[in-house]
PDB file of N, CA and C in Angstrom:
ATOM      1  N   UNK A   1      91.797 116.713 138.954  1.00  0.00           N
ATOM      2  CA  UNK A   1      92.345 117.640 138.169  1.00  0.00           C
ATOM      3  C   UNK A   1      92.522 117.136 136.881  1.00  0.00           C
ATOM      4  N   UNK A   2      93.333 115.605 136.861  1.00  0.00           N
ATOM      5  CA  UNK A   2      93.575 115.195 135.470  1.00  0.00           C
ATOM      6  C   UNK A   2      92.420 114.778 134.598  1.00  0.00           C
ATOM      7  N   UNK A   3      91.280 114.329 135.463  1.00  0.00           N
ATOM      8  CA  UNK A   3      89.927 114.097 134.762  1.00  0.00           C
ATOM      9  C   UNK A   3      89.164 114.756 134.394  1.00  0.00           C
ATOM     10  N   UNK A   4      89.103 115.923 134.901  1.00  0.00           N
ATOM     11  CA  UNK A   4      88.396 117.560 134.601  1.00  0.00           C
ATOM     12  C   UNK A   4      89.399 117.448 132.857  1.00  0.00           C
ATOM     13  N   UNK A   5      90.555 117.641 132.285  1.00  0.00           N
ATOM     14  CA  UNK A   5      91.100 117.538 132.034  1.00  0.00           C
ATOM     15  C   UNK A   5      90.285 116.986 130.686  1.00  0.00           C
ATOM     16  N   UNK A   6      90.473 115.749 130.723  1.00  0.00           N
ATOM     17  CA  UNK A   6      89.994 114.585 129.908  1.00  0.00           C
ATOM     18  C   UNK A   6      88.658 114.735 129.431  1.00  0.00           C
ATOM     19  N   UNK A   7      87.414 115.384 130.585  1.00  0.00           N
ATOM     20  CA  UNK A   7      86.432 115.632 130.409  1.00  0.00           C
ATOM     21  C   UNK A   7      86.155 117.056 129.615  1.00  0.00           C
ATOM     22  N   UNK A   8      87.220 117.685 129.306  1.00  0.00           N
ATOM     23  CA  UNK A   8      86.967 118.820 128.922  1.00  0.00           C
ATOM     24  C   UNK A   8      87.319 118.433 127.408  1.00  0.00           C
ATOM     25  N   UNK A   9      88.566 117.773 127.154  1.00  0.00           N
ATOM     26  CA  UNK A   9      89.184 117.568 125.744  1.00  0.00           C
ATOM     27  C   UNK A   9      87.991 116.722 124.899  1.00  0.00           C
ATOM     28  N   UNK A  10      87.176 115.634 125.839  1.00  0.00           N
ATOM     29  CA  UNK A  10      86.355 115.392 124.989  1.00  0.00           C
ATOM     30  C   UNK A  10      85.034 115.653 124.769  1.00  0.00           C
ATOM     31  N   UNK A  11      84.946 117.148 125.434  1.00  0.00           N
ATOM     32  CA  UNK A  11      83.953 117.722 125.264  1.00  0.00           C
ATOM     33  C   UNK A  11      83.971 118.345 123.914  1.00  0.00           C
ATOM     34  N   UNK A  12      85.504 119.127 123.549  1.00  0.00           N
ATOM     35  CA  UNK A  12      85.712 119.732 122.457  1.00  0.00           C
ATOM     36  C   UNK A  12      86.117 118.763 121.480  1.00  0.00           C
ATOM     37  N   UNK A  13      86.516 117.470 121.526  1.00  0.00           N
ATOM     38  CA  UNK A  13      86.107 116.237 120.264  1.00  0.00           C
ATOM     39  C   UNK A  13      84.931 116.407 119.942  1.00  0.00           C
ATOM     40  N   UNK A  14      84.298 115.880 120.725  1.00  0.00           N
ATOM     41  CA  UNK A  14      82.726 116.196 120.480  1.00  0.00           C
ATOM     42  C   UNK A  14      82.191 116.987 119.829  1.00  0.00           C
ATOM     43  N   UNK A  15      82.844 118.210 120.156  1.00  0.00           N
ATOM     44  CA  UNK A  15      81.858 119.288 119.488  1.00  0.00           C
ATOM     45  C   UNK A  15      82.423 119.610 118.168  1.00  0.00           C
ATOM     46  N   UNK A  16      83.703 119.154 118.122  1.00  0.00           N
ATOM     47  CA  UNK A  16      84.476 119.762 116.740  1.00  0.00           C
ATOM     48  C   UNK A  16      84.179 118.513 115.663  1.00  0.00           C
ATOM     49  N   UNK A  17      83.539 117.145 116.198  1.00  0.00           N
ATOM     50  CA  UNK A  17      83.176 115.945 115.256  1.00  0.00           C
ATOM     51  C   UNK A  17      81.651 116.190 115.009  1.00  0.00           C
ATOM     52  N   UNK A  18      80.824 116.890 115.794  1.00  0.00           N
ATOM     53  CA  UNK A  18      79.517 117.360 115.569  1.00  0.00           C
ATOM     54  C   UNK A  18      79.877 118.554 114.651  1.00  0.00           C
ATOM     55  N   UNK A  19      80.224 119.427 114.762  1.00  0.00           N
ATOM     56  CA  UNK A  19      80.233 120.815 113.767  1.00  0.00           C
ATOM     57  C   UNK A  19      80.908 120.108 112.530  1.00  0.00           C
ATOM     58  N   UNK A  20      82.217 119.088 112.329  1.00  0.00           N
ATOM     59  CA  UNK A  20      82.300 118.913 111.155  1.00  0.00           C
ATOM     60  C   UNK A  20      80.803 117.846 110.259  1.00  0.00           C
ATOM     61  N   UNK A  21      80.316 117.119 111.303  1.00  0.00           N
ATOM     62  CA  UNK A  21      78.811 116.099 110.768  1.00  0.00           C
ATOM     63  C   UNK A  21      78.145 117.144 109.880  1.00  0.00           C
ATOM     64  N   UNK A  22      77.468 118.420 110.786  1.00  0.00           N
ATOM     65  CA  UNK A  22      76.601 119.233 110.418  1.00  0.00           C
ATOM     66  C   UNK A  22      77.053 120.008 109.078  1.00  0.00           C
ATOM     67  N   UNK A  23      78.360 119.908 109.095  1.00  0.00           N
ATOM     68  CA  UNK A  23      78.549 120.880 107.534  1.00  0.00           C
ATOM     69  C   UNK A  23      78.911 120.063 106.830  1.00  0.00           C
ATOM     70  N   UNK A  24      78.998 118.608 106.873  1.00  0.00           N
ATOM     71  CA  UNK A  24      79.005 117.920 105.895  1.00  0.00           C
ATOM     72  C   UNK A  24      77.458 117.768 105.471  1.00  0.00           C
ATOM     73  N   UNK A  25      76.517 117.468 106.346  1.00  0.00           N
ATOM     74  CA  UNK A  25      74.977 117.120 106.317  1.00  0.00           C
ATOM     75  C   UNK A  25      74.626 118.675 105.465  1.00  0.00           C
ATOM     76  N   UNK A  26      75.132 119.794 105.958  1.00  0.00           N
ATOM     77  CA  UNK A  26      74.399 120.806 105.170  1.00  0.00           C
ATOM     78  C   UNK A  26      75.173 120.524 103.711  1.00  0.00           C
ATOM     79  N   UNK A  27      76.392 120.284 103.177  1.00  0.00           N
ATOM     80  CA  UNK A  27      76.782 120.011 101.937  1.00  0.00           C
ATOM     81  C   UNK A  27      75.902 119.104 100.843  1.00  0.00           C
ATOM     82  N   UNK A  28      76.018 117.988 102.153  1.00  0.00           N
ATOM     83  CA  UNK A  28      74.891 116.891 100.920  1.00  0.00           C
ATOM     84  C   UNK A  28      73.607 117.302 100.881  1.00  0.00           C
ATOM     85  N   UNK A  29      73.031 118.000 101.687  1.00  0.00           N
ATOM     86  CA  UNK A  29      71.911 118.361 101.249  1.00  0.00           C
ATOM     87  C   UNK A  29      71.794 119.333  99.969  1.00  0.00           C
ATOM     88  N   UNK A  30      72.435 120.076 100.249  1.00  0.00           N
ATOM     89  CA  UNK A  30      72.498 121.384  98.840  1.00  0.00           C
ATOM     90  C   UNK A  30      73.369 120.517  97.871  1.00  0.00           C
ATOM     91  N   UNK A  31      73.914 119.749  97.777  1.00  0.00           N
ATOM     92  CA  UNK A  31      74.068 118.996  96.576  1.00  0.00           C
ATOM     93  C   UNK A  31      72.915 117.989  96.047  1.00  0.00           C
ATOM     94  N   UNK A  32      72.118 117.593  96.923  1.00  0.00           N
ATOM     95  CA  UNK A  32      70.620 116.917  96.658  1.00  0.00           C
ATOM     96  C   UNK A  32      69.725 117.891  95.982  1.00  0.00           C
ATOM     97  N   UNK A  33      69.670 119.079  96.698  1.00  0.00           N
ATOM     98  CA  UNK A  33      68.630 120.323  96.141  1.00  0.00           C
ATOM     99  C   UNK A  33      69.167 120.655  94.789  1.00  0.00           C
ATOM    100  N   UNK A  34      70.800 120.943  94.674  1.00  0.00           N
ATOM    101  CA  UNK A  34      71.041 121.084  93.077  1.00  0.00           C
ATOM    102  C   UNK A  34      70.876 120.385  92.139  1.00  0.00           C
ATOM    103  N   UNK A  35      70.871 118.947  92.489  1.00  0.00           N
ATOM    104  CA  UNK A  35      71.023 117.736  91.377  1.00  0.00           C
ATOM    105  C   UNK A  35      69.428 117.557  91.348  1.00  0.00           C
ATOM    106  N   UNK A  36      68.749 117.557  92.286  1.00  0.00           N
ATOM    107  CA  UNK A  36      66.915 117.667  91.750  1.00  0.00           C
ATOM    108  C   UNK A  36      66.586 118.872  90.516  1.00  0.00           C
ATOM    109  N   UNK A  37      67.048 120.142  91.287  1.00  0.00           N
ATOM    110  CA  UNK A  37      67.070 121.309  90.300  1.00  0.00           C
ATOM    111  C   UNK A  37      67.574 120.875  89.037  1.00  0.00           C
ATOM    112  N   UNK A  38      68.904 120.656  88.896  1.00  0.00           N
ATOM    113  CA  UNK A  38      69.271 120.453  87.217  1.00  0.00           C
ATOM    114  C   UNK A  38      67.910 119.318  86.652  1.00  0.00           C
ATOM    115  N   UNK A  39      67.887 118.100  87.394  1.00  0.00           N
ATOM    116  CA  UNK A  39      67.140 116.774  86.932  1.00  0.00           C
ATOM    117  C   UNK A  39      65.658 117.655  86.437  1.00  0.00           C
ATOM    118  N   UNK A  40      65.542 118.309  86.659  1.00  0.00           N
ATOM    119  CA  UNK A  40      64.278 118.962  86.609  1.00  0.00           C
ATOM    120  C   UNK A  40      64.616 119.992  85.664  1.00  0.00           C
ATOM    121  N   UNK A  41      65.397 120.651  85.540  1.00  0.00           N
ATOM    122  CA  UNK A  41      65.629 121.634  84.574  1.00  0.00           C
ATOM    123  C   UNK A  41      65.646 120.898  82.857  1.00  0.00           C
ATOM    124  N   UNK A  42      66.693 119.622  83.081  1.00  0.00           N
ATOM    125  CA  UNK A  42      66.965 119.015  82.219  1.00  0.00           C
ATOM    126  C   UNK A  42      65.357 118.163  81.309  1.00  0.00           C
ATOM    127  N   UNK A  43      65.182 117.738  82.335  1.00  0.00           N
ATOM    128  CA  UNK A  43      63.853 117.266  81.629  1.00  0.00           C
ATOM    129  C   UNK A  43      62.874 118.288  81.268  1.00  0.00           C
ATOM    130  N   UNK A  44      62.380 119.327  81.479  1.00  0.00           N
ATOM    131  CA  UNK A  44      61.681 119.811  81.057  1.00  0.00           C
ATOM    132  C   UNK A  44      62.239 120.766  79.531  1.00  0.00           C
ATOM    133  N   UNK A  45      63.598 121.106  79.507  1.00  0.00           N
ATOM    134  CA  UNK A  45      63.828 121.282  78.088  1.00  0.00           C
ATOM    135  C   UNK A  45      63.640 120.298  77.116  1.00  0.00           C
ATOM    136  N   UNK A  46      63.679 119.084  77.818  1.00  0.00           N
ATOM    137  CA  UNK A  46      63.734 117.818  76.847  1.00  0.00           C
ATOM    138  C   UNK A  46      62.175 117.994  76.452  1.00  0.00           C
ATOM    139  N   UNK A  47      61.126 118.289  76.891  1.00  0.00           N
ATOM    140  CA  UNK A  47      59.610 118.208  76.812  1.00  0.00           C
ATOM    141  C   UNK A  47      59.303 119.244  75.894  1.00  0.00           C
ATOM    142  N   UNK A  48      60.254 120.476  76.341  1.00  0.00           N
ATOM    143  CA  UNK A  48      59.905 121.779  75.616  1.00  0.00           C
ATOM    144  C   UNK A  48      60.475 121.002  73.962  1.00  0.00           C
ATOM    145  N   UNK A  49      61.421 120.546  73.884  1.00  0.00           N
ATOM    146  CA  UNK A  49      61.931 120.402  72.410  1.00  0.00           C
ATOM    147  C   UNK A  49      60.986 119.654  71.548  1.00  0.00           C
ATOM    148  N   UNK A  50      60.372 118.526  72.489  1.00  0.00           N
ATOM    149  CA  UNK A  50      59.647 117.440  71.625  1.00  0.00           C
ATOM    150  C   UNK A  50      58.007 118.233  71.418  1.00  0.00           C
ATOM    151  N   UNK A  51      57.642 119.150  72.179  1.00  0.00           N
ATOM    152  CA  UNK A  51      56.480 119.980  72.029  1.00  0.00           C
ATOM    153  C   UNK A  51      56.777 120.783  70.944  1.00  0.00           C
ATOM    154  N   UNK A  52      58.008 121.654  70.849  1.00  0.00           N
ATOM    155  CA  UNK A  52      58.210 122.337  70.125  1.00  0.00           C
ATOM    156  C   UNK A  52      58.140 121.647  68.547  1.00  0.00           C
ATOM    157  N   UNK A  53      58.685 120.343  68.414  1.00  0.00           N
ATOM    158  CA  UNK A  53      58.507 119.941  67.242  1.00  0.00           C
ATOM    159  C   UNK A  53      57.344 119.348  66.761  1.00  0.00           C
ATOM    160  N   UNK A  54      56.546 118.808  67.785  1.00  0.00           N
ATOM    161  CA  UNK A  54      55.153 118.818  67.462  1.00  0.00           C
ATOM    162  C   UNK A  54      54.089 119.838  67.287  1.00  0.00           C
ATOM    163  N   UNK A  55      54.448 120.929  67.645  1.00  0.00           N
ATOM    164  CA  UNK A  55      53.923 122.182  66.962  1.00  0.00           C
ATOM    165  C   UNK A  55      54.136 122.468  65.874  1.00  0.00           C
ATOM    166  N   UNK A  56      55.683 122.536  65.559  1.00  0.00           N
ATOM    167  CA  UNK A  56      55.821 122.651  64.212  1.00  0.00           C
ATOM    168  C   UNK A  56      55.287 121.958  62.968  1.00  0.00           C
ATOM    169  N   UNK A  57      55.156 120.592  63.513  1.00  0.00           N
ATOM    170  CA  UNK A  57      54.674 119.737  62.400  1.00  0.00           C
ATOM    171  C   UNK A  57      53.414 119.980  62.241  1.00  0.00           C
ATOM    172  N   UNK A  58      52.997 119.980  63.148  1.00  0.00           N
ATOM    173  CA  UNK A  58      51.360 120.013  63.567  1.00  0.00           C
ATOM    174  C   UNK A  58      50.959 121.378  62.475  1.00  0.00           C
ATOM    175  N   UNK A  59      51.805 122.444  62.986  1.00  0.00           N
ATOM    176  CA  UNK A  59      50.952 123.689  61.921  1.00  0.00           C
ATOM    177  C   UNK A  59      51.642 123.988  60.672  1.00  0.00           C
ATOM    178  N   UNK A  60      52.480 123.123  60.344  1.00  0.00           N
ATOM    179  CA  UNK A  60      52.995 122.645  59.068  1.00  0.00           C
ATOM    180  C   UNK A  60      51.761 121.932  58.062  1.00  0.00           C
ATOM    181  N   UNK A  61      51.123 120.845  58.758  1.00  0.00           N
ATOM    182  CA  UNK A  61      50.040 119.961  58.016  1.00  0.00           C
ATOM    183  C   UNK A  61      49.348 121.316  57.843  1.00  0.00           C
ATOM    184  N   UNK A  62      48.670 121.755  59.181  1.00  0.00           N
ATOM    185  CA  UNK A  62      47.351 122.526  59.156  1.00  0.00           C
ATOM    186  C   UNK A  62      47.293 123.509  57.857  1.00  0.00           C
ATOM    187  N   UNK A  63      48.665 124.141  57.910  1.00  0.00           N
ATOM    188  CA  UNK A  63      48.733 124.976  56.947  1.00  0.00           C
ATOM    189  C   UNK A  63      48.761 124.394  55.643  1.00  0.00           C
ATOM    190  N   UNK A  64      49.176 123.429  55.400  1.00  0.00           N
ATOM    191  CA  UNK A  64      48.777 122.762  53.950  1.00  0.00           C
ATOM    192  C   UNK A  64      47.567 122.306  54.198  1.00  0.00           C
ATOM    193  N   UNK A  65      47.060 121.682  54.915  1.00  0.00           N
ATOM    194  CA  UNK A  65      45.471 121.266  54.426  1.00  0.00           C
ATOM    195  C   UNK A  65      44.561 122.623  54.620  1.00  0.00           C
ATOM    196  N   UNK A  66      44.974 123.611  55.175  1.00  0.00           N
ATOM    197  CA  UNK A  66      43.754 124.592  54.963  1.00  0.00           C
ATOM    198  C   UNK A  66      44.275 125.085  53.291  1.00  0.00           C
ATOM    199  N   UNK A  67      45.541 125.578  53.387  1.00  0.00           N
ATOM    200  CA  UNK A  67      46.118 126.121  51.892  1.00  0.00           C
ATOM    201  C   UNK A  67      45.002 124.940  50.677  1.00  0.00           C
ATOM    202  N   UNK A  68      45.259 123.928  51.107  1.00  0.00           N
ATOM    203  CA  UNK A  68      44.566 123.002  49.894  1.00  0.00           C
ATOM    204  C   UNK A  68      43.232 123.158  49.859  1.00  0.00           C
ATOM    205  N   UNK A  69      42.641 123.233  51.166  1.00  0.00           N
ATOM    206  CA  UNK A  69      41.114 123.464  51.208  1.00  0.00           C
ATOM    207  C   UNK A  69      40.295 125.313  50.226  1.00  0.00           C
ATOM    208  N   UNK A  70      41.560 125.979  50.457  1.00  0.00           N
ATOM    209  CA  UNK A  70      41.396 127.179  49.912  1.00  0.00           C
ATOM    210  C   UNK A  70      41.764 127.640  48.314  1.00  0.00           C
ATOM    211  N   UNK A  71      42.570 126.572  48.016  1.00  0.00           N
ATOM    212  CA  UNK A  71      42.640 126.580  46.639  1.00  0.00           C
ATOM    213  C   UNK A  71      44.114 127.068  46.302  1.00  0.00           C
ATOM    214  N   UNK A  72      45.005 127.814  47.564  1.00  0.00           N
ATOM    215  CA  UNK A  72      46.204 128.426  47.527  1.00  0.00           C
ATOM    216  C   UNK A  72      47.004 127.856  48.599  1.00  0.00           C
ATOM    217  N   UNK A  73      48.500 127.156  48.114  1.00  0.00           N
ATOM    218  CA  UNK A  73      48.316 126.795  49.430  1.00  0.00           C
ATOM    219  C   UNK A  73      49.200 128.004  50.703  1.00  0.00           C
ATOM    220  N   UNK A  74      49.411 128.365  49.670  1.00  0.00           N
ATOM    221  CA  UNK A  74      50.087 129.534  50.893  1.00  0.00           C
ATOM    222  C   UNK A  74      49.299 130.697  51.632  1.00  0.00           C
ATOM    223  N   UNK A  75      48.284 130.333  50.887  1.00  0.00           N
ATOM    224  CA  UNK A  75      46.998 130.798  52.143  1.00  0.00           C
ATOM    225  C   UNK A  75      46.691 130.017  53.377  1.00  0.00           C
ATOM    226  N   UNK A  76      46.624 128.690  53.484  1.00  0.00           N
ATOM    227  CA  UNK A  76      47.150 128.096  54.553  1.00  0.00           C
ATOM    228  C   UNK A  76      48.072 128.779  55.605  1.00  0.00           C
ATOM    229  N   UNK A  77      49.379 129.285  55.222  1.00  0.00           N
ATOM    230  CA  UNK A  77      50.203 129.718  56.119  1.00  0.00           C
ATOM    231  C   UNK A  77      49.853 130.938  56.696  1.00  0.00           C
ATOM    232  N   UNK A  78      49.810 131.719  55.431  1.00  0.00           N
ATOM    233  CA  UNK A  78      49.010 133.362  56.229  1.00  0.00           C
ATOM    234  C   UNK A  78      48.095 132.931  57.257  1.00  0.00           C
ATOM    235  N   UNK A  79      46.800 131.994  57.180  1.00  0.00           N
ATOM    236  CA  UNK A  79      45.795 132.030  58.199  1.00  0.00           C
ATOM    237  C   UNK A  79      46.488 131.701  59.113  1.00  0.00           C
ATOM    238  N   UNK A  80      47.799 130.705  59.446  1.00  0.00           N
ATOM    239  CA  UNK A  80      48.025 130.305  60.671  1.00  0.00           C
ATOM    240  C   UNK A  80      49.070 131.144  61.499  1.00  0.00           C
ATOM    241  N   UNK A  81      49.872 132.098  60.216  1.00  0.00           N
ATOM    242  CA  UNK A  81      50.757 133.030  61.135  1.00  0.00           C
ATOM    243  C   UNK A  81      49.482 134.156  61.581  1.00  0.00           C
ATOM    244  N   UNK A  82      48.702 134.791  61.151  1.00  0.00           N
ATOM    245  CA  UNK A  82      47.737 135.396  61.566  1.00  0.00           C
ATOM    246  C   UNK A  82      47.086 135.080  62.635  1.00  0.00           C
ATOM    247  N   UNK A  83      46.890 133.742  62.823  1.00  0.00           N
ATOM    248  CA  UNK A  83      46.597 133.126  63.996  1.00  0.00           C
ATOM    249  C   UNK A  83      47.176 133.641  65.487  1.00  0.00           C
ATOM    250  N   UNK A  84      48.699 133.336  65.362  1.00  0.00           N
ATOM    251  CA  UNK A  84      49.668 133.131  66.015  1.00  0.00           C
ATOM    252  C   UNK A  84      50.083 134.774  66.112  1.00  0.00           C
ATOM    253  N   UNK A  85      50.184 135.782  65.087  1.00  0.00           N
ATOM    254  CA  UNK A  85      50.233 137.215  65.447  1.00  0.00           C
ATOM    255  C   UNK A  85      49.036 137.619  66.453  1.00  0.00           C
ATOM    256  N   UNK A  86      47.514 137.100  66.628  1.00  0.00           N
ATOM    257  CA  UNK A  86      46.688 137.424  67.309  1.00  0.00           C
ATOM    258  C   UNK A  86      47.099 136.440  68.513  1.00  0.00           C
ATOM    259  N   UNK A  87      47.423 135.420  68.844  1.00  0.00           N
ATOM    260  CA  UNK A  87      47.443 134.957  69.880  1.00  0.00           C
ATOM    261  C   UNK A  87      48.547 135.719  70.565  1.00  0.00           C
ATOM    262  N   UNK A  88      49.949 136.062  69.981  1.00  0.00           N
ATOM    263  CA  UNK A  88      51.328 137.267  70.507  1.00  0.00           C
ATOM    264  C   UNK A  88      50.428 138.538  71.108  1.00  0.00           C
ATOM    265  N   UNK A  89      49.747 139.032  69.932  1.00  0.00           N
ATOM    266  CA  UNK A  89      48.870 140.175  70.876  1.00  0.00           C
ATOM    267  C   UNK A  89      48.180 140.348  72.403  1.00  0.00           C
ATOM    268  N   UNK A  90      47.243 138.763  72.151  1.00  0.00           N
ATOM    269  CA  UNK A  90      46.385 138.438  73.427  1.00  0.00           C
ATOM    270  C   UNK A  90      47.342 138.417  74.303  1.00  0.00           C
ATOM    271  N   UNK A  91      48.608 137.272  74.133  1.00  0.00           N
ATOM    272  CA  UNK A  91      49.681 137.484  75.018  1.00  0.00           C
ATOM    273  C   UNK A  91      49.935 138.496  76.030  1.00  0.00           C
ATOM    274  N   UNK A  92      50.556 139.658  74.960  1.00  0.00           N
ATOM    275  CA  UNK A  92      51.212 140.611  75.147  1.00  0.00           C
ATOM    276  C   UNK A  92      50.383 141.281  75.774  1.00  0.00           C
ATOM    277  N   UNK A  93      49.165 141.179  75.803  1.00  0.00           N
ATOM    278  CA  UNK A  93      47.850 142.315  76.391  1.00  0.00           C
ATOM    279  C   UNK A  93      47.646 141.828  78.025  1.00  0.00           C
ATOM    280  N   UNK A  94      47.765 140.379  78.218  1.00  0.00           N
ATOM    281  CA  UNK A  94      47.192 139.909  79.304  1.00  0.00           C
ATOM    282  C   UNK A  94      48.784 139.237  80.000  1.00  0.00           C
ATOM    283  N   UNK A  95      49.722 139.763  79.629  1.00  0.00           N
ATOM    284  CA  UNK A  95      51.105 139.134  79.788  1.00  0.00           C
ATOM    285  C   UNK A  95      50.854 138.914  81.777  1.00  0.00           C
ATOM    286  N   UNK A  96      50.714 139.984  82.458  1.00  0.00           N
ATOM    287  CA  UNK A  96      51.173 140.146  83.792  1.00  0.00           C
ATOM    288  C   UNK A  96      50.418 138.927  84.503  1.00  0.00           C
ATOM    289  N   UNK A  97      48.714 138.892  83.641  1.00  0.00           N
ATOM    290  CA  UNK A  97      48.019 137.777  84.469  1.00  0.00           C
ATOM    291  C   UNK A  97      48.122 136.608  84.362  1.00  0.00           C
ATOM    292  N   UNK A  98      48.253 136.338  82.850  1.00  0.00           N
ATOM    293  CA  UNK A  98      48.424 135.055  82.260  1.00  0.00           C
ATOM    294  C   UNK A  98      49.867 134.578  82.495  1.00  0.00           C
ATOM    295  N   UNK A  99      50.971 135.248  82.619  1.00  0.00           N
ATOM    296  CA  UNK A  99      52.759 134.475  82.664  1.00  0.00           C
ATOM    297  C   UNK A  99      52.585 135.132  83.867  1.00  0.00           C
ATOM    298  N   UNK A 100      53.199 136.462  84.037  1.00  0.00           N
ATOM    299  CA  UNK A 100      53.785 136.762  85.513  1.00  0.00           C
ATOM    300  C   UNK A 100      53.119 136.585  86.720  1.00  0.00           C
ATOM    301  N   UNK A 101      52.201 136.737  87.212  1.00  0.00           N
ATOM    302  CA  UNK A 101      51.618 135.945  88.657  1.00  0.00           C
ATOM    303  C   UNK A 101      51.823 134.845  88.903  1.00  0.00           C
ATOM    304  N   UNK A 102      51.523 134.023  87.754  1.00  0.00           N
ATOM    305  CA  UNK A 102      51.529 132.568  88.136  1.00  0.00           C
ATOM    306  C   UNK A 102      53.089 132.056  88.177  1.00  0.00           C
ATOM    307  N   UNK A 103      53.700 132.466  87.226  1.00  0.00           N
ATOM    308  CA  UNK A 103      55.056 132.477  87.538  1.00  0.00           C
ATOM    309  C   UNK A 103      56.016 132.609  88.478  1.00  0.00           C
ATOM    310  N   UNK A 104      55.635 133.749  89.060  1.00  0.00           N
ATOM    311  CA  UNK A 104      56.067 134.235  90.645  1.00  0.00           C
ATOM    312  C   UNK A 104      55.668 133.558  91.610  1.00  0.00           C
ATOM    313  N   UNK A 105      54.371 133.217  91.579  1.00  0.00           N
ATOM    314  CA  UNK A 105      53.750 132.243  92.662  1.00  0.00           C
ATOM    315  C   UNK A 105      54.606 131.155  92.504  1.00  0.00           C
ATOM    316  N   UNK A 106      54.605 130.387  91.489  1.00  0.00           N
ATOM    317  CA  UNK A 106      55.318 128.997  91.425  1.00  0.00           C
ATOM    318  C   UNK A 106      56.938 129.231  92.147  1.00  0.00           C
ATOM    319  N   UNK A 107      57.364 130.070  91.501  1.00  0.00           N
ATOM    320  CA  UNK A 107      58.890 130.078  92.193  1.00  0.00           C
ATOM    321  C   UNK A 107      58.966 130.586  93.518  1.00  0.00           C
ATOM    322  N   UNK A 108      57.941 131.282  94.199  1.00  0.00           N
ATOM    323  CA  UNK A 108      57.789 131.542  95.552  1.00  0.00           C
ATOM    324  C   UNK A 108      57.439 130.114  96.219  1.00  0.00           C
ATOM    325  N   UNK A 109      56.425 129.345  95.762  1.00  0.00           N
ATOM    326  CA  UNK A 109      56.522 128.198  96.232  1.00  0.00           C
ATOM    327  C   UNK A 109      57.264 127.285  96.542  1.00  0.00           C
ATOM    328  N   UNK A 110      58.013 126.841  95.292  1.00  0.00           N
ATOM    329  CA  UNK A 110      59.230 126.063  94.907  1.00  0.00           C
ATOM    330  C   UNK A 110      60.226 126.744  96.595  1.00  0.00           C
ATOM    331  N   UNK A 111      60.635 127.790  96.392  1.00  0.00           N
ATOM    332  CA  UNK A 111      61.608 128.277  97.084  1.00  0.00           C
ATOM    333  C   UNK A 111      61.067 127.804  98.592  1.00  0.00           C
ATOM    334  N   UNK A 112      60.009 128.399  98.949  1.00  0.00           N
ATOM    335  CA  UNK A 112      59.444 128.285 100.065  1.00  0.00           C
ATOM    336  C   UNK A 112      60.037 126.692 101.002  1.00  0.00           C
ATOM    337  N   UNK A 113      59.147 126.063 100.165  1.00  0.00           N
ATOM    338  CA  UNK A 113      59.015 124.468  99.940  1.00  0.00           C
ATOM    339  C   UNK A 113      60.313 124.107 100.215  1.00  0.00           C
ATOM    340  N   UNK A 114      61.478 124.419  99.032  1.00  0.00           N
ATOM    341  CA  UNK A 114      62.999 123.788  99.467  1.00  0.00           C
ATOM    342  C   UNK A 114      63.699 124.509 100.637  1.00  0.00           C
ATOM    343  N   UNK A 115      63.223 125.397 101.164  1.00  0.00           N
ATOM    344  CA  UNK A 115      64.018 125.993 102.575  1.00  0.00           C
ATOM    345  C   UNK A 115      63.865 125.042 103.350  1.00  0.00           C
ATOM    346  N   UNK A 116      62.474 124.236 103.661  1.00  0.00           N
ATOM    347  CA  UNK A 116      62.219 123.400 104.517  1.00  0.00           C
ATOM    348  C   UNK A 116      63.016 122.211 104.400  1.00  0.00           C
ATOM    349  N   UNK A 117      63.562 121.734 105.568  1.00  0.00           N
ATOM    350  CA  UNK A 117      64.111 120.029 105.372  1.00  0.00           C
ATOM    351  C   UNK A 117      63.554 119.003 104.968  1.00  0.00           C
TER     352      UNK A 117
END
């Protein structure tokens, strides 16, 4: 009878240990996924900032160049502004197909991929 009690106690201890280990494993996996997501967001933000600086300086240069070519500096800025207005209208008109669907598909792909261990 005493042997049976020690076997049951051993099973209970092993079960508790297994449960603690599984919870710790889930916690560590969660931390890993959060760290990956945070580093991905941080590097993406950094890249976007540098791209924005590049585009801004490029646009200023193009505006000055076009304005110099046309004889009035502000003509170049108006032409570049008109280009961005046209681009904005196109993006607004086709926002679902250009932005909505690809972003939704990317998010779904990322989340379904991160569910699997």
